[in-house]
Each structure stands twice: as C-alpha cells, then as structure tokens.
Amino acid sequence: MSEMRFDRLFRTPNSEGYSLMDGSRRLGRIDLHFTAATVYGTLILEVDREEGEILKMIEEIDNDLVLSAEVPREDFLVTVYRGTELGFYSDDYLEEEQGSASNN
C-alpha cells in the first residue's frame, strides 16, 4: 500500500470523520469520537486487508489524526468493519424521492 491520505468529511467538537484514500482510490472511512479519556474509532474498510495491514492503518490513524487532535487520551478503541457504501442520502434526496413517489 502506498501512502494513505485522510480527507476530512466532518468535524464537530467531539467527533471527526475521514475518508481513507490511496491516490484517487478510497480504502474506507474512519469516524473518531473523543471522550474525556478514550477515543473510539469505527473503521469501515472497502478493500480486503490482512490483519497486519489493518494494524498499520490503525497506527497511522492514531499517529496522524488522534494524537494530533491534542485531546487527552488514555486508550484508542477501534472497531473494524468490512463493507461497501451503497449510497449517500440527505434530506433533499429523500424529499425528492417522496415527491416523485407521490406523483406516480
């Protein structure tokens, strides 16, 4: 795997979300949630990776995103899923779909 890049999707006072990129290819997504002493991560991979590669990814996420957030951290707990994005939905999209369904 070449150098992984993080493209921020959102940031709130206690959370951040990033797409994990390898060039123009999306590898997955990480959502981080910061509490008083623990950082929780949900890592969704769109590509198959061996456990050793996953551990390297988590280490890179920890070094580049978690530690740089300068939030007190006693532990970093990560849940890893393998999945594929099926769609992205918003209020506008749902309103359009409901509007076109009522016109039929």
PDB file of N, CA and C in Angstrom:
ATOM      1  N   MET A   1       0.848  -1.174   0.000  1.00  0.00           N
ATOM      2  CA  MET A   1       0.000   0.000   0.000  1.00  0.00           C
ATOM      3  C   MET A   1       0.891   1.234   0.000  1.00  0.00           C
ATOM      4  N   SER A   2       0.584   2.170  -0.901  1.00  0.00           N
ATOM      5  CA  SER A   2       1.339   3.417  -0.901  1.00  0.00           C
ATOM      6  C   SER A   2       0.858   4.291   0.250  1.00  0.00           C
ATOM      7  N   GLU A   3       1.266   5.528   0.265  1.00  0.00           N
ATOM      8  CA  GLU A   3       0.939   6.398   1.394  1.00  0.00           C
ATOM      9  C   GLU A   3      -0.554   6.683   1.475  1.00  0.00           C
ATOM     10  N   MET A   4      -1.121   6.432   2.637  1.00  0.00           N
ATOM     11  CA  MET A   4      -2.540   6.667   2.870  1.00  0.00           C
ATOM     12  C   MET A   4      -2.746   8.147   3.198  1.00  0.00           C
ATOM     13  N   ARG A   5      -3.826   8.694   2.645  1.00  0.00           N
ATOM     14  CA  ARG A   5      -4.172  10.097   2.872  1.00  0.00           C
ATOM     15  C   ARG A   5      -5.539  10.135   3.554  1.00  0.00           C
ATOM     16  N   PHE A   6      -5.754  11.161   4.359  1.00  0.00           N
ATOM     17  CA  PHE A   6      -7.015  11.336   5.075  1.00  0.00           C
ATOM     18  C   PHE A   6      -7.718  12.576   4.544  1.00  0.00           C
ATOM     19  N   ASP A   7      -8.921  12.401   4.007  1.00  0.00           N
ATOM     20  CA  ASP A   7      -9.728  13.533   3.553  1.00  0.00           C
ATOM     21  C   ASP A   7     -10.861  13.735   4.558  1.00  0.00           C
ATOM     22  N   ARG A   8     -10.832  14.875   5.247  1.00  0.00           N
ATOM     23  CA  ARG A   8     -11.836  15.126   6.284  1.00  0.00           C
ATOM     24  C   ARG A   8     -13.220  15.284   5.658  1.00  0.00           C
ATOM     25  N   LEU A   9     -14.189  14.591   6.250  1.00  0.00           N
ATOM     26  CA  LEU A   9     -15.590  14.675   5.836  1.00  0.00           C
ATOM     27  C   LEU A   9     -16.378  15.597   6.765  1.00  0.00           C
ATOM     28  N   PHE A  10     -16.069  15.533   8.060  1.00  0.00           N
ATOM     29  CA  PHE A  10     -16.757  16.388   9.021  1.00  0.00           C
ATOM     30  C   PHE A  10     -15.921  16.524  10.276  1.00  0.00           C
ATOM     31  N   ARG A  11     -16.258  17.568  11.044  1.00  0.00           N
ATOM     32  CA  ARG A  11     -15.630  17.792  12.351  1.00  0.00           C
ATOM     33  C   ARG A  11     -16.648  18.467  13.248  1.00  0.00           C
ATOM     34  N   THR A  12     -16.799  17.928  14.440  1.00  0.00           N
ATOM     35  CA  THR A  12     -17.641  18.540  15.470  1.00  0.00           C
ATOM     36  C   THR A  12     -16.739  18.745  16.693  1.00  0.00           C
ATOM     37  N   PRO A  13     -17.259  19.312  17.767  1.00  0.00           N
ATOM     38  CA  PRO A  13     -16.405  19.472  18.958  1.00  0.00           C
ATOM     39  C   PRO A  13     -15.872  18.144  19.509  1.00  0.00           C
ATOM     40  N   ASN A  14     -16.581  17.027  19.277  1.00  0.00           N
ATOM     41  CA  ASN A  14     -16.166  15.754  19.859  1.00  0.00           C
ATOM     42  C   ASN A  14     -15.980  14.625  18.853  1.00  0.00           C
ATOM     43  N   SER A  15     -16.110  14.905  17.557  1.00  0.00           N
ATOM     44  CA  SER A  15     -16.025  13.842  16.559  1.00  0.00           C
ATOM     45  C   SER A  15     -15.373  14.352  15.288  1.00  0.00           C
ATOM     46  N   GLU A  16     -14.803  13.421  14.537  1.00  0.00           N
ATOM     47  CA  GLU A  16     -14.265  13.717  13.218  1.00  0.00           C
ATOM     48  C   GLU A  16     -14.493  12.499  12.334  1.00  0.00           C
ATOM     49  N   GLY A  17     -14.662  12.734  11.047  1.00  0.00           N
ATOM     50  CA  GLY A  17     -14.798  11.640  10.103  1.00  0.00           C
ATOM     51  C   GLY A  17     -13.920  11.897   8.892  1.00  0.00           C
ATOM     52  N   TYR A  18     -13.292  10.832   8.387  1.00  0.00           N
ATOM     53  CA  TYR A  18     -12.364  10.946   7.271  1.00  0.00           C
ATOM     54  C   TYR A  18     -12.566   9.807   6.283  1.00  0.00           C
ATOM     55  N   SER A  19     -12.370  10.120   5.006  1.00  0.00           N
ATOM     56  CA  SER A  19     -12.201   9.076   4.005  1.00  0.00           C
ATOM     57  C   SER A  19     -10.730   8.709   4.001  1.00  0.00           C
ATOM     58  N   LEU A  20     -10.443   7.421   3.897  1.00  0.00           N
ATOM     59  CA  LEU A  20      -9.062   6.945   3.784  1.00  0.00           C
ATOM     60  C   LEU A  20      -8.783   6.735   2.311  1.00  0.00           C
ATOM     61  N   MET A  21      -7.789   7.430   1.799  1.00  0.00           N
ATOM     62  CA  MET A  21      -7.532   7.421   0.365  1.00  0.00           C
ATOM     63  C   MET A  21      -6.134   6.885   0.054  1.00  0.00           C
ATOM     64  N   ASP A  22      -6.040   6.185  -1.064  1.00  0.00           N
ATOM     65  CA  ASP A  22      -4.774   5.756  -1.649  1.00  0.00           C
ATOM     66  C   ASP A  22      -4.781   6.303  -3.068  1.00  0.00           C
ATOM     67  N   GLY A  23      -4.209   7.496  -3.252  1.00  0.00           N
ATOM     68  CA  GLY A  23      -4.343   8.187  -4.529  1.00  0.00           C
ATOM     69  C   GLY A  23      -5.794   8.594  -4.703  1.00  0.00           C
ATOM     70  N   SER A  24      -6.409   8.189  -5.821  1.00  0.00           N
ATOM     71  CA  SER A  24      -7.826   8.501  -6.046  1.00  0.00           C
ATOM     72  C   SER A  24      -8.736   7.360  -5.591  1.00  0.00           C
ATOM     73  N   ARG A  25      -8.165   6.294  -5.079  1.00  0.00           N
ATOM     74  CA  ARG A  25      -8.946   5.125  -4.641  1.00  0.00           C
ATOM     75  C   ARG A  25      -9.293   5.256  -3.158  1.00  0.00           C
ATOM     76  N   ARG A  26     -10.582   5.125  -2.850  1.00  0.00           N
ATOM     77  CA  ARG A  26     -10.996   5.166  -1.455  1.00  0.00           C
ATOM     78  C   ARG A  26     -10.835   3.783  -0.842  1.00  0.00           C
ATOM     79  N   LEU A  27     -10.117   3.737   0.284  1.00  0.00           N
ATOM     80  CA  LEU A  27      -9.888   2.492   1.004  1.00  0.00           C
ATOM     81  C   LEU A  27     -10.979   2.235   2.033  1.00  0.00           C
ATOM     82  N   GLY A  28     -11.565   3.312   2.544  1.00  0.00           N
ATOM     83  CA  GLY A  28     -12.575   3.171   3.581  1.00  0.00           C
ATOM     84  C   GLY A  28     -12.823   4.486   4.265  1.00  0.00           C
ATOM     85  N   ARG A  29     -13.283   4.379   5.492  1.00  0.00           N
ATOM     86  CA  ARG A  29     -13.680   5.551   6.265  1.00  0.00           C
ATOM     87  C   ARG A  29     -13.392   5.286   7.737  1.00  0.00           C
ATOM     88  N   ILE A  30     -12.997   6.347   8.455  1.00  0.00           N
ATOM     89  CA  ILE A  30     -12.814   6.269   9.902  1.00  0.00           C
ATOM     90  C   ILE A  30     -13.625   7.398  10.538  1.00  0.00           C
ATOM     91  N   ASP A  31     -14.426   7.030  11.518  1.00  0.00           N
ATOM     92  CA  ASP A  31     -15.129   8.004  12.343  1.00  0.00           C
ATOM     93  C   ASP A  31     -14.505   7.945  13.732  1.00  0.00           C
ATOM     94  N   LEU A  32     -14.112   9.086  14.253  1.00  0.00           N
ATOM     95  CA  LEU A  32     -13.475   9.184  15.565  1.00  0.00           C
ATOM     96  C   LEU A  32     -14.378   9.942  16.512  1.00  0.00           C
ATOM     97  N   HIS A  33     -14.501   9.436  17.731  1.00  0.00           N
ATOM     98  CA  HIS A  33     -15.320  10.069  18.759  1.00  0.00           C
ATOM     99  C   HIS A  33     -14.461  10.228  20.009  1.00  0.00           C
ATOM    100  N   PHE A  34     -14.283  11.479  20.431  1.00  0.00           N
ATOM    101  CA  PHE A  34     -13.408  11.818  21.546  1.00  0.00           C
ATOM    102  C   PHE A  34     -14.221  11.976  22.823  1.00  0.00           C
ATOM    103  N   THR A  35     -13.837  11.239  23.870  1.00  0.00           N
ATOM    104  CA  THR A  35     -14.448  11.402  25.187  1.00  0.00           C
ATOM    105  C   THR A  35     -13.382  11.953  26.123  1.00  0.00           C
ATOM    106  N   ALA A  36     -13.674  12.014  27.408  1.00  0.00           N
ATOM    107  CA  ALA A  36     -12.740  12.605  28.368  1.00  0.00           C
ATOM    108  C   ALA A  36     -11.395  11.891  28.393  1.00  0.00           C
ATOM    109  N   ALA A  37     -11.385  10.569  28.246  1.00  0.00           N
ATOM    110  CA  ALA A  37     -10.118   9.841  28.351  1.00  0.00           C
ATOM    111  C   ALA A  37      -9.911   8.809  27.259  1.00  0.00           C
ATOM    112  N   THR A  38     -10.941   8.520  26.481  1.00  0.00           N
ATOM    113  CA  THR A  38     -10.851   7.457  25.479  1.00  0.00           C
ATOM    114  C   THR A  38     -11.288   7.995  24.127  1.00  0.00           C
ATOM    115  N   VAL A  39     -10.605   7.529  23.085  1.00  0.00           N
ATOM    116  CA  VAL A  39     -11.011   7.837  21.719  1.00  0.00           C
ATOM    117  C   VAL A  39     -11.553   6.549  21.118  1.00  0.00           C
ATOM    118  N   TYR A  40     -12.767   6.633  20.562  1.00  0.00           N
ATOM    119  CA  TYR A  40     -13.394   5.488  19.912  1.00  0.00           C
ATOM    120  C   TYR A  40     -13.337   5.696  18.407  1.00  0.00           C
ATOM    121  N   GLY A  41     -12.967   4.643  17.691  1.00  0.00           N
ATOM    122  CA  GLY A  41     -12.919   4.716  16.241  1.00  0.00           C
ATOM    123  C   GLY A  41     -13.754   3.616  15.622  1.00  0.00           C
ATOM    124  N   THR A  42     -14.447   3.960  14.542  1.00  0.00           N
ATOM    125  CA  THR A  42     -15.153   2.988  13.735  1.00  0.00           C
ATOM    126  C   THR A  42     -14.510   3.047  12.357  1.00  0.00           C
ATOM    127  N   LEU A  43     -13.821   1.973  12.005  1.00  0.00           N
ATOM    128  CA  LEU A  43     -13.102   1.887  10.739  1.00  0.00           C
ATOM    129  C   LEU A  43     -13.877   0.954   9.815  1.00  0.00           C
ATOM    130  N   ILE A  44     -14.299   1.485   8.677  1.00  0.00           N
ATOM    131  CA  ILE A  44     -15.005   0.679   7.680  1.00  0.00           C
ATOM    132  C   ILE A  44     -14.105   0.595   6.456  1.00  0.00           C
ATOM    133  N   LEU A  45     -13.642  -0.608   6.156  1.00  0.00           N
ATOM    134  CA  LEU A  45     -12.760  -0.823   5.017  1.00  0.00           C
ATOM    135  C   LEU A  45     -13.557  -1.287   3.809  1.00  0.00           C
ATOM    136  N   GLU A  46     -13.255  -0.720   2.653  1.00  0.00           N
ATOM    137  CA  GLU A  46     -13.894  -1.113   1.405  1.00  0.00           C
ATOM    138  C   GLU A  46     -13.006  -2.058   0.607  1.00  0.00           C
ATOM    139  N   VAL A  47     -11.849  -2.377   1.152  1.00  0.00           N
ATOM    140  CA  VAL A  47     -10.891  -3.271   0.491  1.00  0.00           C
ATOM    141  C   VAL A  47     -10.477  -4.353   1.488  1.00  0.00           C
ATOM    142  N   ASP A  48     -10.106  -5.505   0.971  1.00  0.00           N
ATOM    143  CA  ASP A  48      -9.620  -6.572   1.844  1.00  0.00           C
ATOM    144  C   ASP A  48      -8.202  -6.256   2.290  1.00  0.00           C
ATOM    145  N   ARG A  49      -7.939  -6.443   3.561  1.00  0.00           N
ATOM    146  CA  ARG A  49      -6.609  -6.236   4.137  1.00  0.00           C
ATOM    147  C   ARG A  49      -6.336  -7.337   5.146  1.00  0.00           C
ATOM    148  N   GLU A  50      -5.090  -7.761   5.197  1.00  0.00           N
ATOM    149  CA  GLU A  50      -4.649  -8.708   6.220  1.00  0.00           C
ATOM    150  C   GLU A  50      -4.595  -7.972   7.554  1.00  0.00           C
ATOM    151  N   GLU A  51      -4.631  -8.735   8.652  1.00  0.00           N
ATOM    152  CA  GLU A  51      -4.642  -8.105   9.978  1.00  0.00           C
ATOM    153  C   GLU A  51      -3.424  -7.216  10.195  1.00  0.00           C
ATOM    154  N   GLY A  52      -2.256  -7.629   9.723  1.00  0.00           N
ATOM    155  CA  GLY A  52      -1.059  -6.800   9.881  1.00  0.00           C
ATOM    156  C   GLY A  52      -1.198  -5.454   9.195  1.00  0.00           C
ATOM    157  N   GLU A  53      -1.821  -5.426   8.022  1.00  0.00           N
ATOM    158  CA  GLU A  53      -2.051  -4.169   7.308  1.00  0.00           C
ATOM    159  C   GLU A  53      -3.080  -3.300   8.042  1.00  0.00           C
ATOM    160  N   ILE A  54      -4.092  -3.944   8.595  1.00  0.00           N
ATOM    161  CA  ILE A  54      -5.101  -3.211   9.362  1.00  0.00           C
ATOM    162  C   ILE A  54      -4.454  -2.566  10.585  1.00  0.00           C
ATOM    163  N   LEU A  55      -3.589  -3.312  11.264  1.00  0.00           N
ATOM    164  CA  LEU A  55      -2.902  -2.754  12.438  1.00  0.00           C
ATOM    165  C   LEU A  55      -2.033  -1.568  12.052  1.00  0.00           C
ATOM    166  N   LYS A  56      -1.371  -1.630  10.884  1.00  0.00           N
ATOM    167  CA  LYS A  56      -0.575  -0.493  10.406  1.00  0.00           C
ATOM    168  C   LYS A  56      -1.466   0.709  10.114  1.00  0.00           C
ATOM    169  N   MET A  57      -2.637   0.454   9.532  1.00  0.00           N
ATOM    170  CA  MET A  57      -3.572   1.541   9.248  1.00  0.00           C
ATOM    171  C   MET A  57      -4.018   2.204  10.552  1.00  0.00           C
ATOM    172  N   ILE A  58      -4.349   1.395  11.541  1.00  0.00           N
ATOM    173  CA  ILE A  58      -4.789   1.930  12.837  1.00  0.00           C
ATOM    174  C   ILE A  58      -3.667   2.747  13.473  1.00  0.00           C
ATOM    175  N   GLU A  59      -2.453   2.258  13.380  1.00  0.00           N
ATOM    176  CA  GLU A  59      -1.310   3.000  13.928  1.00  0.00           C
ATOM    177  C   GLU A  59      -1.142   4.346  13.226  1.00  0.00           C
ATOM    178  N   GLU A  60      -1.309   4.353  11.908  1.00  0.00           N
ATOM    179  CA  GLU A  60      -1.198   5.603  11.158  1.00  0.00           C
ATOM    180  C   GLU A  60      -2.332   6.565  11.520  1.00  0.00           C
ATOM    181  N   ILE A  61      -3.542   6.040  11.684  1.00  0.00           N
ATOM    182  CA  ILE A  61      -4.678   6.857  12.116  1.00  0.00           C
ATOM    183  C   ILE A  61      -4.391   7.447  13.493  1.00  0.00           C
ATOM    184  N   ASP A  62      -3.869   6.634  14.388  1.00  0.00           N
ATOM    185  CA  ASP A  62      -3.538   7.089  15.736  1.00  0.00           C
ATOM    186  C   ASP A  62      -2.504   8.211  15.684  1.00  0.00           C
ATOM    187  N   ASN A  63      -1.425   7.993  14.944  1.00  0.00           N
ATOM    188  CA  ASN A  63      -0.349   8.980  14.881  1.00  0.00           C
ATOM    189  C   ASN A  63      -0.765  10.268  14.174  1.00  0.00           C
ATOM    190  N   ASP A  64      -1.483  10.140  13.060  1.00  0.00           N
ATOM    191  CA  ASP A  64      -1.781  11.312  12.233  1.00  0.00           C
ATOM    192  C   ASP A  64      -3.049  12.054  12.638  1.00  0.00           C
ATOM    193  N   LEU A  65      -4.017  11.362  13.204  1.00  0.00           N
ATOM    194  CA  LEU A  65      -5.297  12.002  13.497  1.00  0.00           C
ATOM    195  C   LEU A  65      -5.590  12.111  14.991  1.00  0.00           C
ATOM    196  N   VAL A  66      -5.415  11.017  15.718  1.00  0.00           N
ATOM    197  CA  VAL A  66      -5.796  11.014  17.133  1.00  0.00           C
ATOM    198  C   VAL A  66      -4.809  11.823  17.961  1.00  0.00           C
ATOM    199  N   LEU A  67      -3.547  11.528  17.857  1.00  0.00           N
ATOM    200  CA  LEU A  67      -2.554  12.237  18.674  1.00  0.00           C
ATOM    201  C   LEU A  67      -2.442  13.702  18.283  1.00  0.00           C
ATOM    202  N   SER A  68      -2.642  14.010  17.000  1.00  0.00           N
ATOM    203  CA  SER A  68      -2.538  15.405  16.560  1.00  0.00           C
ATOM    204  C   SER A  68      -3.747  16.227  16.995  1.00  0.00           C
ATOM    205  N   ALA A  69      -4.826  15.570  17.433  1.00  0.00           N
ATOM    206  CA  ALA A  69      -6.015  16.297  17.913  1.00  0.00           C
ATOM    207  C   ALA A  69      -5.763  16.956  19.259  1.00  0.00           C
ATOM    208  N   GLU A  70      -4.684  16.563  19.922  1.00  0.00           N
ATOM    209  CA  GLU A  70      -4.292  17.138  21.211  1.00  0.00           C
ATOM    210  C   GLU A  70      -5.415  17.058  22.242  1.00  0.00           C
ATOM    211  N   VAL A  71      -6.066  15.906  22.261  1.00  0.00           N
ATOM    212  CA  VAL A  71      -7.112  15.612  23.235  1.00  0.00           C
ATOM    213  C   VAL A  71      -6.543  14.567  24.187  1.00  0.00           C
ATOM    214  N   PRO A  72      -6.756  14.715  25.496  1.00  0.00           N
ATOM    215  CA  PRO A  72      -6.246  13.691  26.421  1.00  0.00           C
ATOM    216  C   PRO A  72      -6.723  12.306  26.007  1.00  0.00           C
ATOM    217  N   ARG A  73      -5.819  11.346  26.007  1.00  0.00           N
ATOM    218  CA  ARG A  73      -6.138  10.020  25.504  1.00  0.00           C
ATOM    219  C   ARG A  73      -5.460   8.957  26.334  1.00  0.00           C
ATOM    220  N   GLU A  74      -6.263   8.142  27.002  1.00  0.00           N
ATOM    221  CA  GLU A  74      -5.715   7.002  27.733  1.00  0.00           C
ATOM    222  C   GLU A  74      -5.784   5.740  26.896  1.00  0.00           C
ATOM    223  N   ASP A  75      -6.759   5.677  25.985  1.00  0.00           N
ATOM    224  CA  ASP A  75      -6.900   4.489  25.150  1.00  0.00           C
ATOM    225  C   ASP A  75      -7.538   4.874  23.829  1.00  0.00           C
ATOM    226  N   PHE A  76      -7.259   4.083  22.799  1.00  0.00           N
ATOM    227  CA  PHE A  76      -7.835   4.246  21.467  1.00  0.00           C
ATOM    228  C   PHE A  76      -8.467   2.917  21.105  1.00  0.00           C
ATOM    229  N   LEU A  77      -9.785   2.871  21.099  1.00  0.00           N
ATOM    230  CA  LEU A  77     -10.522   1.637  20.836  1.00  0.00           C
ATOM    231  C   LEU A  77     -11.117   1.712  19.438  1.00  0.00           C
ATOM    232  N   VAL A  78     -10.793   0.729  18.607  1.00  0.00           N
ATOM    233  CA  VAL A  78     -11.215   0.748  17.208  1.00  0.00           C
ATOM    234  C   VAL A  78     -12.000  -0.513  16.886  1.00  0.00           C
ATOM    235  N   THR A  79     -13.176  -0.317  16.291  1.00  0.00           N
ATOM    236  CA  THR A  79     -13.963  -1.417  15.760  1.00  0.00           C
ATOM    237  C   THR A  79     -13.812  -1.362  14.248  1.00  0.00           C
ATOM    238  N   VAL A  80     -13.477  -2.510  13.638  1.00  0.00           N
ATOM    239  CA  VAL A  80     -13.218  -2.563  12.199  1.00  0.00           C
ATOM    240  C   VAL A  80     -14.304  -3.387  11.517  1.00  0.00           C
ATOM    241  N   TYR A  81     -14.844  -2.818  10.434  1.00  0.00           N
ATOM    242  CA  TYR A  81     -15.842  -3.496   9.616  1.00  0.00           C
ATOM    243  C   TYR A  81     -15.350  -3.570   8.176  1.00  0.00           C
ATOM    244  N   ARG A  82     -15.831  -4.541   7.453  1.00  0.00           N
ATOM    245  CA  ARG A  82     -15.594  -4.629   6.005  1.00  0.00           C
ATOM    246  C   ARG A  82     -16.924  -4.363   5.347  1.00  0.00           C
ATOM    247  N   GLY A  83     -17.022  -3.340   4.501  1.00  0.00           N
ATOM    248  CA  GLY A  83     -18.296  -3.004   3.886  1.00  0.00           C
ATOM    249  C   GLY A  83     -18.131  -2.210   2.616  1.00  0.00           C
ATOM    250  N   THR A  84     -19.244  -1.967   1.969  1.00  0.00           N
ATOM    251  CA  THR A  84     -19.290  -1.200   0.736  1.00  0.00           C
ATOM    252  C   THR A  84     -20.381  -0.156   0.866  1.00  0.00           C
ATOM    253  N   GLU A  85     -20.080   1.060   0.466  1.00  0.00           N
ATOM    254  CA  GLU A  85     -21.087   2.112   0.509  1.00  0.00           C
ATOM    255  C   GLU A  85     -22.150   1.828  -0.541  1.00  0.00           C
ATOM    256  N   LEU A  86     -23.385   1.855  -0.126  1.00  0.00           N
ATOM    257  CA  LEU A  86     -24.499   1.609  -1.042  1.00  0.00           C
ATOM    258  C   LEU A  86     -25.131   2.906  -1.533  1.00  0.00           C
ATOM    259  N   GLY A  87     -24.907   3.979  -0.816  1.00  0.00           N
ATOM    260  CA  GLY A  87     -25.466   5.256  -1.226  1.00  0.00           C
ATOM    261  C   GLY A  87     -25.234   6.302  -0.170  1.00  0.00           C
ATOM    262  N   PHE A  88     -25.516   7.527  -0.539  1.00  0.00           N
ATOM    263  CA  PHE A  88     -25.417   8.662   0.383  1.00  0.00           C
ATOM    264  C   PHE A  88     -26.740   9.403   0.307  1.00  0.00           C
ATOM    265  N   TYR A  89     -27.407   9.547   1.429  1.00  0.00           N
ATOM    266  CA  TYR A  89     -28.752  10.109   1.447  1.00  0.00           C
ATOM    267  C   TYR A  89     -28.794  11.368   2.294  1.00  0.00           C
ATOM    268  N   SER A  90     -29.582  12.314   1.843  1.00  0.00           N
ATOM    269  CA  SER A  90     -29.753  13.571   2.565  1.00  0.00           C
ATOM    270  C   SER A  90     -31.238  13.906   2.602  1.00  0.00           C
ATOM    271  N   ASP A  91     -31.592  14.926   3.363  1.00  0.00           N
ATOM    272  CA  ASP A  91     -32.984  15.370   3.415  1.00  0.00           C
ATOM    273  C   ASP A  91     -33.487  15.742   2.024  1.00  0.00           C
ATOM    274  N   ASP A  92     -32.664  16.476   1.245  1.00  0.00           N
ATOM    275  CA  ASP A  92     -33.074  16.865  -0.107  1.00  0.00           C
ATOM    276  C   ASP A  92     -33.373  15.653  -0.969  1.00  0.00           C
ATOM    277  N   TYR A  93     -32.510  14.663  -0.908  1.00  0.00           N
ATOM    278  CA  TYR A  93     -32.713  13.447  -1.703  1.00  0.00           C
ATOM    279  C   TYR A  93     -34.015  12.751  -1.296  1.00  0.00           C
ATOM    280  N   LEU A  94     -34.232  12.606   0.001  1.00  0.00           N
ATOM    281  CA  LEU A  94     -35.436  11.927   0.482  1.00  0.00           C
ATOM    282  C   LEU A  94     -36.702  12.690   0.107  1.00  0.00           C
ATOM    283  N   GLU A  95     -36.654  14.034   0.170  1.00  0.00           N
ATOM    284  CA  GLU A  95     -37.809  14.833  -0.234  1.00  0.00           C
ATOM    285  C   GLU A  95     -38.105  14.651  -1.716  1.00  0.00           C
ATOM    286  N   GLU A  96     -37.059  14.621  -2.549  1.00  0.00           N
ATOM    287  CA  GLU A  96     -37.253  14.394  -3.984  1.00  0.00           C
ATOM    288  C   GLU A  96     -37.858  13.031  -4.247  1.00  0.00           C
ATOM    289  N   GLU A  97     -37.365  12.020  -3.553  1.00  0.00           N
ATOM    290  CA  GLU A  97     -37.891  10.665  -3.744  1.00  0.00           C
ATOM    291  C   GLU A  97     -39.343  10.569  -3.307  1.00  0.00           C
ATOM    292  N   GLN A  98     -39.689  11.190  -2.187  1.00  0.00           N
ATOM    293  CA  GLN A  98     -41.057  11.168  -1.704  1.00  0.00           C
ATOM    294  C   GLN A  98     -41.972  11.942  -2.655  1.00  0.00           C
ATOM    295  N   GLY A  99     -41.456  13.054  -3.191  1.00  0.00           N
ATOM    296  CA  GLY A  99     -42.228  13.854  -4.145  1.00  0.00           C
ATOM    297  C   GLY A  99     -42.500  13.101  -5.430  1.00  0.00           C
ATOM    298  N   SER A 100     -41.481  12.398  -5.940  1.00  0.00           N
ATOM    299  CA  SER A 100     -41.683  11.646  -7.195  1.00  0.00           C
ATOM    300  C   SER A 100     -42.552  10.414  -6.962  1.00  0.00           C
ATOM    301  N   ALA A 101     -42.527   9.839  -5.755  1.00  0.00           N
ATOM    302  CA  ALA A 101     -43.370   8.678  -5.463  1.00  0.00           C
ATOM    303  C   ALA A 101     -44.840   9.086  -5.359  1.00  0.00           C
ATOM    304  N   SER A 102     -45.107  10.286  -4.841  1.00  0.00           N
ATOM    305  CA  SER A 102     -46.490  10.720  -4.710  1.00  0.00           C
ATOM    306  C   SER A 102     -47.060  11.170  -6.054  1.00  0.00           C
ATOM    307  N   ASN A 103     -46.185  11.493  -7.018  1.00  0.00           N
ATOM    308  CA  ASN A 103     -46.643  11.884  -8.355  1.00  0.00           C
ATOM    309  C   ASN A 103     -46.994  10.667  -9.205  1.00  0.00           C
ATOM    310  N   ASN A 104     -46.604   9.486  -8.777  1.00  0.00           N
ATOM    311  CA  ASN A 104     -46.881   8.260  -9.558  1.00  0.00           C
ATOM    312  C   ASN A 104     -48.194   7.645  -9.207  1.00  0.00           C
TER     313      ASN A 104
END
